[in-house]
Amino acid sequence: MSYIFDALQRSEGERFGPDTGNLSEATDVLRRAERRAASKWEATALVEEPGPIEVAERDGSPGSEEEVRDASARKALTTDELSSDRVELDVFGQFQSLQISLAPENRLQCLAGSEGPAAEAFRLLGLRLRHLRQDRPLRKVLITSTVPHEGKSTVSVNLACTLALSSRRKVLLVEGDMRRPSFFQILGIGKNPGLSEFLQDKQALSRSIYHLEGPGFWVLPAGSTPGNAMELLQSGRITSLVSQLAEWFEWVIIDSPPVLPFADTSVWARLADGVLLVTRQGTTEKRRLQRGLDAIQPNKLLGAVLNCSQNSSNADYYYRKPTV
């Protein structure tokens, strides 16, 4: 590797002559490239040729046991760093990008540039979740409701968008409601293959996740509507899927079906770190709300979001402080 660097350095010297400004910049770039390539070569050699590690002193004799341990630690660290780089380059580089196309009457408060109560409510919700994760593991958040038509999907999209814009973290929105997908309408991204295709082993996970330009978060849509949604969720692949997503993303927001009509939510709730329950003023009955609360593990319930509150005259969404 040093031969290549020396040759390029001589070439730059002959090219620029006495002017050392450009030469210095080129030298720095080449040195960094050389160090990175050398590190990759060493890590590859370590993986391909396992065996006892020996450190040679300057006179050629083996080094001490401590030096051997230090060398092993340095090489292991290099391998971990390269593995992290490969995730960024190989995995995130395969995610396709989608342009969102919002309808004029859209309810994405996070993109409207609004400073009203609704936008502030979602910022407060995001801030509250970030505070909660300081005291407990909280990376995978499930958004559900008691019955359909309470606005859980809209809340999920607004929360994911708010977290992405305010924290600058890698946020993934998972459409876990394969029975009644709605993200294609809310975001205007059309129907794309996603969770259903992955669980049926028809498409790789890296080709099922999309980066949304503008909001800056990623989405795993439901995909096609299967006739055996519960069977797919119980296939065993869902557990490894959620674990993998939690390694790639700092926030995983899961929009699941309602609690009462379907058993799908119990599968998602088991894998989530916390659950937010969406209710709708004028729609959610007290009896059903109590049944929904009883169906969620108390230690996983983060709180509730009251949708369409009459306390807010200028917005359709108003956040109530969750109980912890």
C-alpha atoms as a PDB file:
ATOM      1  CA  MET A   1       0.000   0.000   0.000  1.00  0.00           C
ATOM      2  CA  SER A   2       2.865   2.398   0.823  1.00  0.00           C
ATOM      3  CA  TYR A   3       4.246   1.929  -2.711  1.00  0.00           C
ATOM      4  CA  ILE A   4       0.990   3.218  -4.167  1.00  0.00           C
ATOM      5  CA  PHE A   5       1.005   6.204  -1.838  1.00  0.00           C
ATOM      6  CA  ASP A   6       4.646   7.074  -2.614  1.00  0.00           C
ATOM      7  CA  ALA A   7       4.038   6.868  -6.350  1.00  0.00           C
ATOM      8  CA  LEU A   8       0.964   9.103  -6.125  1.00  0.00           C
ATOM      9  CA  GLN A   9       2.843  11.551  -3.925  1.00  0.00           C
ATOM     10  CA  ARG A  10       5.731  11.814  -6.405  1.00  0.00           C
ATOM     11  CA  SER A  11       3.214  12.258  -9.196  1.00  0.00           C
ATOM     12  CA  GLU A  12       1.549  15.119  -7.325  1.00  0.00           C
ATOM     13  CA  GLY A  13       4.949  16.727  -6.667  1.00  0.00           C
ATOM     14  CA  GLU A  14       5.888  16.650 -10.321  1.00  0.00           C
ATOM     15  CA  ARG A  15       2.480  17.964 -11.295  1.00  0.00           C
ATOM     16  CA  PHE A  16       2.286  20.922  -8.914  1.00  0.00           C
ATOM     17  CA  GLY A  17       5.994  21.734  -8.700  1.00  0.00           C
ATOM     18  CA  PRO A  18       6.935  24.194  -5.963  1.00  0.00           C
ATOM     19  CA  ASP A  19       3.276  24.961  -5.139  1.00  0.00           C
ATOM     20  CA  THR A  20       2.736  22.889  -1.986  1.00  0.00           C
ATOM     21  CA  GLY A  21      -0.815  23.994  -1.185  1.00  0.00           C
ATOM     22  CA  ASN A  22      -2.568  21.529  -3.431  1.00  0.00           C
ATOM     23  CA  LEU A  23       0.077  18.947  -2.682  1.00  0.00           C
ATOM     24  CA  SER A  24      -0.612  19.196   1.045  1.00  0.00           C
ATOM     25  CA  GLU A  25      -4.346  18.716   0.506  1.00  0.00           C
ATOM     26  CA  ALA A  26      -3.787  15.761  -1.794  1.00  0.00           C
ATOM     27  CA  THR A  27      -1.343  14.246   0.682  1.00  0.00           C
ATOM     28  CA  ASP A  28      -3.870  14.440   3.502  1.00  0.00           C
ATOM     29  CA  VAL A  29      -6.530  12.760   1.362  1.00  0.00           C
ATOM     30  CA  LEU A  30      -4.148  10.019   0.296  1.00  0.00           C
ATOM     31  CA  ARG A  31      -2.968   9.394   3.824  1.00  0.00           C
ATOM     32  CA  ARG A  32      -6.518   8.999   5.058  1.00  0.00           C
ATOM     33  CA  ALA A  33      -7.335   6.657   2.192  1.00  0.00           C
ATOM     34  CA  GLU A  34      -4.223   4.619   2.901  1.00  0.00           C
ATOM     35  CA  ARG A  35      -5.018   4.285   6.590  1.00  0.00           C
ATOM     36  CA  ARG A  36      -8.618   3.269   5.868  1.00  0.00           C
ATOM     37  CA  ALA A  37      -7.593   0.725   3.229  1.00  0.00           C
ATOM     38  CA  ALA A  38      -4.925  -0.705   5.505  1.00  0.00           C
ATOM     39  CA  SER A  39      -7.399  -1.071   8.357  1.00  0.00           C
ATOM     40  CA  LYS A  40      -9.860  -2.863   6.094  1.00  0.00           C
ATOM     41  CA  TRP A  41      -7.105  -5.153   4.842  1.00  0.00           C
ATOM     42  CA  GLU A  42      -6.048  -6.035   8.384  1.00  0.00           C
ATOM     43  CA  ALA A  43      -9.625  -6.708   9.461  1.00  0.00           C
ATOM     44  CA  THR A  44     -10.213  -8.943   6.419  1.00  0.00           C
ATOM     45  CA  ALA A  45      -7.016 -10.823   7.048  1.00  0.00           C
ATOM     46  CA  LEU A  46      -8.035 -11.338  10.661  1.00  0.00           C
ATOM     47  CA  VAL A  47     -11.355 -12.876   9.625  1.00  0.00           C
ATOM     48  CA  GLU A  48     -10.033 -15.002   6.764  1.00  0.00           C
ATOM     49  CA  GLU A  49      -6.937 -16.316   8.534  1.00  0.00           C
ATOM     50  CA  PRO A  50      -7.872 -17.085  12.163  1.00  0.00           C
ATOM     51  CA  GLY A  51      -5.166 -18.315  14.474  1.00  0.00           C
ATOM     52  CA  PRO A  52      -2.871 -17.291  17.296  1.00  0.00           C
ATOM     53  CA  ILE A  53      -1.862 -13.640  17.260  1.00  0.00           C
ATOM     54  CA  GLU A  54       1.795 -12.880  17.740  1.00  0.00           C
ATOM     55  CA  VAL A  55       3.302  -9.435  18.184  1.00  0.00           C
ATOM     56  CA  ALA A  56       6.908  -9.055  17.077  1.00  0.00           C
ATOM     57  CA  GLU A  57       9.235  -6.689  18.867  1.00  0.00           C
ATOM     58  CA  ARG A  58      11.685  -4.545  16.945  1.00  0.00           C
ATOM     59  CA  ASP A  59      14.319  -7.271  17.087  1.00  0.00           C
ATOM     60  CA  GLY A  60      11.867  -9.796  15.630  1.00  0.00           C
ATOM     61  CA  SER A  61      11.166 -11.727  18.819  1.00  0.00           C
ATOM     62  CA  PRO A  62       7.598 -12.287  20.077  1.00  0.00           C
ATOM     63  CA  GLY A  63       6.116  -9.531  22.221  1.00  0.00           C
ATOM     64  CA  SER A  64       4.778  -9.817  25.743  1.00  0.00           C
ATOM     65  CA  GLU A  65       1.403 -11.332  26.616  1.00  0.00           C
ATOM     66  CA  GLU A  66       0.090  -7.833  27.371  1.00  0.00           C
ATOM     67  CA  GLU A  67       1.131  -6.614  23.909  1.00  0.00           C
ATOM     68  CA  VAL A  68      -0.667  -9.586  22.365  1.00  0.00           C
ATOM     69  CA  ARG A  69      -3.853  -8.680  24.230  1.00  0.00           C
ATOM     70  CA  ASP A  70      -3.548  -5.020  23.221  1.00  0.00           C
ATOM     71  CA  ALA A  71      -3.078  -5.957  19.576  1.00  0.00           C
ATOM     72  CA  SER A  72      -6.103  -8.248  19.702  1.00  0.00           C
ATOM     73  CA  ALA A  73      -8.241  -5.475  21.227  1.00  0.00           C
ATOM     74  CA  ARG A  74      -7.146  -2.972  18.583  1.00  0.00           C
ATOM     75  CA  LYS A  75      -7.960  -5.370  15.754  1.00  0.00           C
ATOM     76  CA  ALA A  76     -11.333  -6.251  17.286  1.00  0.00           C
ATOM     77  CA  LEU A  77     -12.181  -2.547  17.545  1.00  0.00           C
ATOM     78  CA  THR A  78     -11.215  -2.022  13.917  1.00  0.00           C
ATOM     79  CA  THR A  79     -13.471  -4.905  12.890  1.00  0.00           C
ATOM     80  CA  ASP A  80     -16.427  -3.469  14.863  1.00  0.00           C
ATOM     81  CA  GLU A  81     -15.948  -0.035  13.286  1.00  0.00           C
ATOM     82  CA  LEU A  82     -15.829  -1.526   9.822  1.00  0.00           C
ATOM     83  CA  SER A  83     -18.957  -3.556  10.537  1.00  0.00           C
ATOM     84  CA  SER A  84     -20.747  -0.343  11.528  1.00  0.00           C
ATOM     85  CA  ASP A  85     -19.550   1.339   8.341  1.00  0.00           C
ATOM     86  CA  ARG A  86     -20.813  -1.560   6.257  1.00  0.00           C
ATOM     87  CA  VAL A  87     -24.281  -1.247   7.821  1.00  0.00           C
ATOM     88  CA  GLU A  88     -24.382   2.423   6.825  1.00  0.00           C
ATOM     89  CA  LEU A  89     -23.102   1.827   3.297  1.00  0.00           C
ATOM     90  CA  ASP A  90     -24.594  -1.543   2.433  1.00  0.00           C
ATOM     91  CA  VAL A  91     -27.982  -1.406   4.190  1.00  0.00           C
ATOM     92  CA  PHE A  92     -29.000   2.246   4.169  1.00  0.00           C
ATOM     93  CA  GLY A  93     -27.609   2.561   0.656  1.00  0.00           C
ATOM     94  CA  GLN A  94     -30.135  -0.026  -0.542  1.00  0.00           C
ATOM     95  CA  PHE A  95     -33.200   1.772   0.811  1.00  0.00           C
ATOM     96  CA  GLN A  96     -35.164   3.422  -1.967  1.00  0.00           C
ATOM     97  CA  SER A  97     -36.309   7.030  -1.720  1.00  0.00           C
ATOM     98  CA  LEU A  98     -39.897   8.159  -2.145  1.00  0.00           C
ATOM     99  CA  GLN A  99     -41.372  11.597  -2.680  1.00  0.00           C
ATOM    100  CA  ILE A 100     -44.405  12.399  -0.548  1.00  0.00           C
ATOM    101  CA  SER A 101     -47.416  14.045  -2.135  1.00  0.00           C
ATOM    102  CA  LEU A 102     -49.687  15.569   0.493  1.00  0.00           C
ATOM    103  CA  ALA A 103     -53.303  16.431  -0.108  1.00  0.00           C
ATOM    104  CA  PRO A 104     -54.349  20.012   0.674  1.00  0.00           C
ATOM    105  CA  GLU A 105     -56.449  18.779   3.606  1.00  0.00           C
ATOM    106  CA  ASN A 106     -53.649  16.635   5.066  1.00  0.00           C
ATOM    107  CA  ARG A 107     -53.276  16.358   8.832  1.00  0.00           C
ATOM    108  CA  LEU A 108     -49.485  16.267   9.031  1.00  0.00           C
ATOM    109  CA  GLN A 109     -48.976  19.057  11.527  1.00  0.00           C
ATOM    110  CA  CYS A 110     -45.231  18.412  11.636  1.00  0.00           C
ATOM    111  CA  LEU A 111     -44.836  19.503   7.992  1.00  0.00           C
ATOM    112  CA  ALA A 112     -47.307  22.353   7.944  1.00  0.00           C
ATOM    113  CA  GLY A 113     -44.937  24.768   9.677  1.00  0.00           C
ATOM    114  CA  SER A 114     -47.715  25.471  12.116  1.00  0.00           C
ATOM    115  CA  GLU A 115     -47.088  26.935  15.541  1.00  0.00           C
ATOM    116  CA  GLY A 116     -50.589  26.125  16.723  1.00  0.00           C
ATOM    117  CA  PRO A 117     -51.663  23.807  19.534  1.00  0.00           C
ATOM    118  CA  ALA A 118     -51.586  20.660  17.383  1.00  0.00           C
ATOM    119  CA  ALA A 119     -47.979  21.069  16.214  1.00  0.00           C
ATOM    120  CA  GLU A 120     -46.899  22.034  19.713  1.00  0.00           C
ATOM    121  CA  ALA A 121     -48.687  18.997  21.132  1.00  0.00           C
ATOM    122  CA  PHE A 122     -46.686  16.604  18.958  1.00  0.00           C
ATOM    123  CA  ARG A 123     -43.430  18.366  19.827  1.00  0.00           C
ATOM    124  CA  LEU A 124     -44.330  17.998  23.489  1.00  0.00           C
ATOM    125  CA  LEU A 125     -45.130  14.320  22.959  1.00  0.00           C
ATOM    126  CA  GLY A 126     -41.769  13.740  21.265  1.00  0.00           C
ATOM    127  CA  LEU A 127     -39.962  15.585  24.052  1.00  0.00           C
ATOM    128  CA  ARG A 128     -41.769  13.554  26.693  1.00  0.00           C
ATOM    129  CA  LEU A 129     -40.752  10.287  25.019  1.00  0.00           C
ATOM    130  CA  ARG A 130     -37.126  11.404  24.835  1.00  0.00           C
ATOM    131  CA  HIS A 131     -37.238  12.161  28.561  1.00  0.00           C
ATOM    132  CA  LEU A 132     -38.780   8.776  29.335  1.00  0.00           C
ATOM    133  CA  ARG A 133     -36.024   6.892  27.547  1.00  0.00           C
ATOM    134  CA  GLN A 134     -33.489   8.364  29.972  1.00  0.00           C
ATOM    135  CA  ASP A 135     -34.994   6.202  32.727  1.00  0.00           C
ATOM    136  CA  ARG A 136     -36.026   3.093  30.790  1.00  0.00           C
ATOM    137  CA  PRO A 137     -35.309   1.260  27.536  1.00  0.00           C
ATOM    138  CA  LEU A 138     -37.533   2.971  24.988  1.00  0.00           C
ATOM    139  CA  ARG A 139     -36.734   2.516  21.322  1.00  0.00           C
ATOM    140  CA  LYS A 140     -39.743   0.626  19.950  1.00  0.00           C
ATOM    141  CA  VAL A 141     -42.988   2.531  20.565  1.00  0.00           C
ATOM    142  CA  LEU A 142     -46.353   1.020  19.652  1.00  0.00           C
ATOM    143  CA  ILE A 143     -49.258   3.308  18.699  1.00  0.00           C
ATOM    144  CA  THR A 144     -52.678   1.700  18.951  1.00  0.00           C
ATOM    145  CA  SER A 145     -56.320   2.505  19.768  1.00  0.00           C
ATOM    146  CA  THR A 146     -59.328   0.711  21.179  1.00  0.00           C
ATOM    147  CA  VAL A 147     -61.448   0.635  18.009  1.00  0.00           C
ATOM    148  CA  PRO A 148     -61.025   1.788  14.379  1.00  0.00           C
ATOM    149  CA  HIS A 149     -61.386   5.434  13.282  1.00  0.00           C
ATOM    150  CA  GLU A 150     -59.726   6.994  16.322  1.00  0.00           C
ATOM    151  CA  GLY A 151     -56.791   8.481  14.381  1.00  0.00           C
ATOM    152  CA  LYS A 152     -53.911   6.247  15.477  1.00  0.00           C
ATOM    153  CA  SER A 153     -52.265   6.165  12.035  1.00  0.00           C
ATOM    154  CA  THR A 154     -52.266   9.946  11.714  1.00  0.00           C
ATOM    155  CA  VAL A 155     -50.823  10.240  15.206  1.00  0.00           C
ATOM    156  CA  SER A 156     -48.128   7.671  14.296  1.00  0.00           C
ATOM    157  CA  VAL A 157     -47.053   9.573  11.191  1.00  0.00           C
ATOM    158  CA  ASN A 158     -46.992  12.922  13.008  1.00  0.00           C
ATOM    159  CA  LEU A 159     -44.958  11.478  15.876  1.00  0.00           C
ATOM    160  CA  ALA A 160     -42.394   9.836  13.573  1.00  0.00           C
ATOM    161  CA  CYS A 161     -42.050  13.035  11.580  1.00  0.00           C
ATOM    162  CA  THR A 162     -41.683  15.153  14.729  1.00  0.00           C
ATOM    163  CA  LEU A 163     -39.003  12.875  16.183  1.00  0.00           C
ATOM    164  CA  ALA A 164     -37.061  12.924  12.919  1.00  0.00           C
ATOM    165  CA  LEU A 165     -37.176  16.707  12.555  1.00  0.00           C
ATOM    166  CA  SER A 166     -36.518  17.607  16.195  1.00  0.00           C
ATOM    167  CA  SER A 167     -33.938  15.023  17.241  1.00  0.00           C
ATOM    168  CA  ARG A 168     -32.170  14.396  13.912  1.00  0.00           C
ATOM    169  CA  ARG A 169     -32.212  10.679  14.684  1.00  0.00           C
ATOM    170  CA  LYS A 170     -32.831   7.736  12.391  1.00  0.00           C
ATOM    171  CA  VAL A 171     -36.579   7.156  12.779  1.00  0.00           C
ATOM    172  CA  LEU A 172     -38.499   4.283  11.186  1.00  0.00           C
ATOM    173  CA  LEU A 173     -42.281   4.196  10.896  1.00  0.00           C
ATOM    174  CA  VAL A 174     -43.673   0.656  10.636  1.00  0.00           C
ATOM    175  CA  GLU A 175     -47.177   0.104   9.280  1.00  0.00           C
ATOM    176  CA  GLY A 176     -48.125  -2.906  11.370  1.00  0.00           C
ATOM    177  CA  ASP A 177     -51.804  -2.710  10.403  1.00  0.00           C
ATOM    178  CA  MET A 178     -51.763  -4.958   7.348  1.00  0.00           C
ATOM    179  CA  ARG A 179     -55.539  -5.342   7.390  1.00  0.00           C
ATOM    180  CA  ARG A 180     -56.322  -1.668   6.701  1.00  0.00           C
ATOM    181  CA  PRO A 181     -53.190   0.112   5.460  1.00  0.00           C
ATOM    182  CA  SER A 182     -53.470   3.883   5.160  1.00  0.00           C
ATOM    183  CA  PHE A 183     -49.962   5.309   4.897  1.00  0.00           C
ATOM    184  CA  PHE A 184     -50.172   5.411   1.098  1.00  0.00           C
ATOM    185  CA  GLN A 185     -53.066   7.862   1.464  1.00  0.00           C
ATOM    186  CA  ILE A 186     -51.755   9.894   4.397  1.00  0.00           C
ATOM    187  CA  LEU A 187     -48.300  10.374   2.866  1.00  0.00           C
ATOM    188  CA  GLY A 188     -49.290  10.201  -0.793  1.00  0.00           C
ATOM    189  CA  ILE A 189     -46.571   7.661  -1.607  1.00  0.00           C
ATOM    190  CA  GLY A 190     -48.678   5.127  -3.473  1.00  0.00           C
ATOM    191  CA  LYS A 191     -48.856   1.433  -2.719  1.00  0.00           C
ATOM    192  CA  ASN A 192     -45.421  -0.146  -2.400  1.00  0.00           C
ATOM    193  CA  PRO A 193     -44.294  -3.636  -1.342  1.00  0.00           C
ATOM    194  CA  GLY A 194     -43.409  -3.803   2.326  1.00  0.00           C
ATOM    195  CA  LEU A 195     -44.058  -5.780   5.498  1.00  0.00           C
ATOM    196  CA  SER A 196     -46.446  -8.297   3.939  1.00  0.00           C
ATOM    197  CA  GLU A 197     -44.013  -9.172   1.160  1.00  0.00           C
ATOM    198  CA  PHE A 198     -41.119  -9.531   3.605  1.00  0.00           C
ATOM    199  CA  LEU A 199     -43.041 -11.819   5.968  1.00  0.00           C
ATOM    200  CA  GLN A 200     -44.049 -13.973   2.988  1.00  0.00           C
ATOM    201  CA  ASP A 201     -40.382 -14.139   1.938  1.00  0.00           C
ATOM    202  CA  LYS A 202     -41.156 -12.461  -1.363  1.00  0.00           C
ATOM    203  CA  GLN A 203     -38.828  -9.488  -0.890  1.00  0.00           C
ATOM    204  CA  ALA A 204     -35.712  -8.644   1.091  1.00  0.00           C
ATOM    205  CA  LEU A 205     -36.059  -6.315   4.063  1.00  0.00           C
ATOM    206  CA  SER A 206     -33.655  -3.781   2.570  1.00  0.00           C
ATOM    207  CA  ARG A 207     -35.980  -3.463  -0.440  1.00  0.00           C
ATOM    208  CA  SER A 208     -39.078  -3.062   1.737  1.00  0.00           C
ATOM    209  CA  ILE A 209     -37.974   0.065   3.625  1.00  0.00           C
ATOM    210  CA  TYR A 210     -38.164   3.504   2.008  1.00  0.00           C
ATOM    211  CA  HIS A 211     -36.629   6.857   2.869  1.00  0.00           C
ATOM    212  CA  LEU A 212     -39.088   9.735   2.640  1.00  0.00           C
ATOM    213  CA  GLU A 213     -37.539  12.837   1.169  1.00  0.00           C
ATOM    214  CA  GLY A 214     -38.593  15.959   3.002  1.00  0.00           C
ATOM    215  CA  PRO A 215     -39.680  14.565   6.384  1.00  0.00           C
ATOM    216  CA  GLY A 216     -36.381  12.689   6.584  1.00  0.00           C
ATOM    217  CA  PHE A 217     -37.627   9.503   8.211  1.00  0.00           C
ATOM    218  CA  TRP A 218     -37.952   5.963   6.883  1.00  0.00           C
ATOM    219  CA  VAL A 219     -41.106   3.894   6.452  1.00  0.00           C
ATOM    220  CA  LEU A 220     -41.834   0.177   6.251  1.00  0.00           C
ATOM    221  CA  PRO A 221     -45.326   0.126   4.677  1.00  0.00           C
ATOM    222  CA  ALA A 222     -47.792  -2.712   5.116  1.00  0.00           C
ATOM    223  CA  GLY A 223     -47.566  -3.709   1.459  1.00  0.00           C
ATOM    224  CA  SER A 224     -50.273  -5.868  -0.067  1.00  0.00           C
ATOM    225  CA  THR A 225     -53.225  -6.843   2.114  1.00  0.00           C
ATOM    226  CA  PRO A 226     -52.872 -10.536   3.009  1.00  0.00           C
ATOM    227  CA  GLY A 227     -55.761 -12.791   3.905  1.00  0.00           C
ATOM    228  CA  ASN A 228     -53.766 -14.349   6.744  1.00  0.00           C
ATOM    229  CA  ALA A 229     -52.356 -11.337   8.593  1.00  0.00           C
ATOM    230  CA  MET A 230     -52.383 -13.002  12.017  1.00  0.00           C
ATOM    231  CA  GLU A 231     -50.750 -16.122  10.645  1.00  0.00           C
ATOM    232  CA  LEU A 232     -47.927 -14.045   9.163  1.00  0.00           C
ATOM    233  CA  LEU A 233     -47.382 -12.223  12.444  1.00  0.00           C
ATOM    234  CA  GLN A 234     -47.116 -15.542  14.275  1.00  0.00           C
ATOM    235  CA  SER A 235     -44.726 -17.067  11.743  1.00  0.00           C
ATOM    236  CA  GLY A 236     -41.655 -16.326  13.868  1.00  0.00           C
ATOM    237  CA  ARG A 237     -40.015 -13.858  11.474  1.00  0.00           C
ATOM    238  CA  ILE A 238     -41.569 -10.860  13.189  1.00  0.00           C
ATOM    239  CA  THR A 239     -39.388 -11.200  16.308  1.00  0.00           C
ATOM    240  CA  SER A 240     -36.117 -11.181  14.396  1.00  0.00           C
ATOM    241  CA  LEU A 241     -37.461  -8.389  12.187  1.00  0.00           C
ATOM    242  CA  VAL A 242     -38.152  -6.041  15.097  1.00  0.00           C
ATOM    243  CA  SER A 243     -34.775  -6.843  16.671  1.00  0.00           C
ATOM    244  CA  GLN A 244     -33.007  -5.996  13.413  1.00  0.00           C
ATOM    245  CA  LEU A 245     -34.925  -2.750  12.996  1.00  0.00           C
ATOM    246  CA  ALA A 246     -34.012  -1.700  16.535  1.00  0.00           C
ATOM    247  CA  GLU A 247     -30.339  -2.147  15.648  1.00  0.00           C
ATOM    248  CA  TRP A 248     -30.604   0.041  12.558  1.00  0.00           C
ATOM    249  CA  PHE A 249     -32.829   2.833  13.887  1.00  0.00           C
ATOM    250  CA  GLU A 250     -32.854   4.921  17.069  1.00  0.00           C
ATOM    251  CA  TRP A 251     -36.671   5.145  17.059  1.00  0.00           C
ATOM    252  CA  VAL A 252     -39.062   2.499  15.711  1.00  0.00           C
ATOM    253  CA  ILE A 253     -42.670   3.757  15.712  1.00  0.00           C
ATOM    254  CA  ILE A 254     -45.152   0.921  15.081  1.00  0.00           C
ATOM    255  CA  ASP A 255     -48.705   1.643  13.966  1.00  0.00           C
ATOM    256  CA  SER A 256     -50.700  -1.452  14.919  1.00  0.00           C
ATOM    257  CA  PRO A 257     -54.363  -2.451  14.478  1.00  0.00           C
ATOM    258  CA  PRO A 258     -56.818  -1.477  17.230  1.00  0.00           C
ATOM    259  CA  VAL A 259     -56.694  -3.490  20.439  1.00  0.00           C
ATOM    260  CA  LEU A 260     -60.249  -4.819  20.695  1.00  0.00           C
ATOM    261  CA  PRO A 261     -61.275  -6.220  17.291  1.00  0.00           C
ATOM    262  CA  PHE A 262     -58.015  -8.045  16.486  1.00  0.00           C
ATOM    263  CA  ALA A 263     -55.346 -10.087  18.249  1.00  0.00           C
ATOM    264  CA  ASP A 264     -52.588  -8.647  16.026  1.00  0.00           C
ATOM    265  CA  THR A 265     -51.851  -5.908  18.553  1.00  0.00           C
ATOM    266  CA  SER A 266     -50.874  -8.435  21.227  1.00  0.00           C
ATOM    267  CA  VAL A 267     -48.032  -9.631  19.002  1.00  0.00           C
ATOM    268  CA  TRP A 268     -46.724  -6.120  18.398  1.00  0.00           C
ATOM    269  CA  ALA A 269     -47.198  -5.112  22.059  1.00  0.00           C
ATOM    270  CA  ARG A 270     -45.092  -8.044  23.184  1.00  0.00           C
ATOM    271  CA  LEU A 271     -42.185  -6.798  21.056  1.00  0.00           C
ATOM    272  CA  ALA A 272     -42.559  -3.091  21.850  1.00  0.00           C
ATOM    273  CA  ASP A 273     -40.861  -1.240  24.701  1.00  0.00           C
ATOM    274  CA  GLY A 274     -43.869   0.982  25.336  1.00  0.00           C
ATOM    275  CA  VAL A 275     -47.441   1.592  24.154  1.00  0.00           C
ATOM    276  CA  LEU A 276     -49.361   4.811  23.491  1.00  0.00           C
ATOM    277  CA  LEU A 277     -53.148   4.482  23.353  1.00  0.00           C
ATOM    278  CA  VAL A 278     -55.008   6.868  21.035  1.00  0.00           C
ATOM    279  CA  THR A 279     -58.578   7.797  21.944  1.00  0.00           C
ATOM    280  CA  ARG A 280     -61.016  10.050  20.142  1.00  0.00           C
ATOM    281  CA  GLN A 281     -63.320  12.438  21.909  1.00  0.00           C
ATOM    282  CA  GLY A 282     -66.918  11.727  20.967  1.00  0.00           C
ATOM    283  CA  THR A 283     -66.055   8.293  19.531  1.00  0.00           C
ATOM    284  CA  THR A 284     -64.350   6.207  22.199  1.00  0.00           C
ATOM    285  CA  GLU A 285     -66.823   4.799  24.689  1.00  0.00           C
ATOM    286  CA  LYS A 286     -65.789   4.618  28.325  1.00  0.00           C
ATOM    287  CA  ARG A 287     -66.522   0.896  28.503  1.00  0.00           C
ATOM    288  CA  ARG A 288     -64.401   0.138  25.438  1.00  0.00           C
ATOM    289  CA  LEU A 289     -61.605   2.390  26.654  1.00  0.00           C
ATOM    290  CA  GLN A 290     -61.449   0.437  29.901  1.00  0.00           C
ATOM    291  CA  ARG A 291     -61.315  -2.854  27.982  1.00  0.00           C
ATOM    292  CA  GLY A 292     -58.523  -1.465  25.827  1.00  0.00           C
ATOM    293  CA  LEU A 293     -56.532  -0.392  28.872  1.00  0.00           C
ATOM    294  CA  ASP A 294     -57.022  -3.824  30.447  1.00  0.00           C
ATOM    295  CA  ALA A 295     -55.630  -5.473  27.295  1.00  0.00           C
ATOM    296  CA  ILE A 296     -52.310  -3.591  27.578  1.00  0.00           C
ATOM    297  CA  GLN A 297     -49.640  -4.611  30.062  1.00  0.00           C
ATOM    298  CA  PRO A 298     -49.557  -1.877  32.735  1.00  0.00           C
ATOM    299  CA  ASN A 299     -45.747  -1.713  32.726  1.00  0.00           C
ATOM    300  CA  LYS A 300     -45.762  -0.990  28.988  1.00  0.00           C
ATOM    301  CA  LEU A 301     -48.477   1.653  28.920  1.00  0.00           C
ATOM    302  CA  LEU A 302     -46.808   5.037  28.415  1.00  0.00           C
ATOM    303  CA  GLY A 303     -49.992   7.094  28.348  1.00  0.00           C
ATOM    304  CA  ALA A 304     -52.846   8.210  26.103  1.00  0.00           C
ATOM    305  CA  VAL A 305     -53.289  10.693  23.280  1.00  0.00           C
ATOM    306  CA  LEU A 306     -56.696  12.400  23.136  1.00  0.00           C
ATOM    307  CA  ASN A 307     -57.666  13.008  19.526  1.00  0.00           C
ATOM    308  CA  CYS A 308     -60.134  15.691  18.381  1.00  0.00           C
ATOM    309  CA  SER A 309     -60.277  17.337  21.765  1.00  0.00           C
ATOM    310  CA  GLN A 310     -62.824  20.113  22.081  1.00  0.00           C
ATOM    311  CA  ASN A 311     -60.348  21.950  24.287  1.00  0.00           C
ATOM    312  CA  SER A 312     -58.461  22.978  21.148  1.00  0.00           C
ATOM    313  CA  SER A 313     -60.426  25.237  18.819  1.00  0.00           C
ATOM    314  CA  ASN A 314     -57.722  25.570  16.152  1.00  0.00           C
ATOM    315  CA  ALA A 315     -56.573  21.973  15.686  1.00  0.00           C
ATOM    316  CA  ASP A 316     -57.883  18.429  15.473  1.00  0.00           C
ATOM    317  CA  TYR A 317     -55.229  16.929  17.722  1.00  0.00           C
ATOM    318  CA  TYR A 318     -54.461  17.822  21.281  1.00  0.00           C
ATOM    319  CA  TYR A 319     -52.027  15.972  23.475  1.00  0.00           C
ATOM    320  CA  ARG A 320     -52.827  15.027  27.040  1.00  0.00           C
ATOM    321  CA  LYS A 321     -49.822  14.409  29.300  1.00  0.00           C
ATOM    322  CA  PRO A 322     -49.365  10.633  29.569  1.00  0.00           C
ATOM    323  CA  THR A 323     -49.395   8.880  32.894  1.00  0.00           C
ATOM    324  CA  VAL A 324     -46.146   7.174  33.775  1.00  0.00           C
END
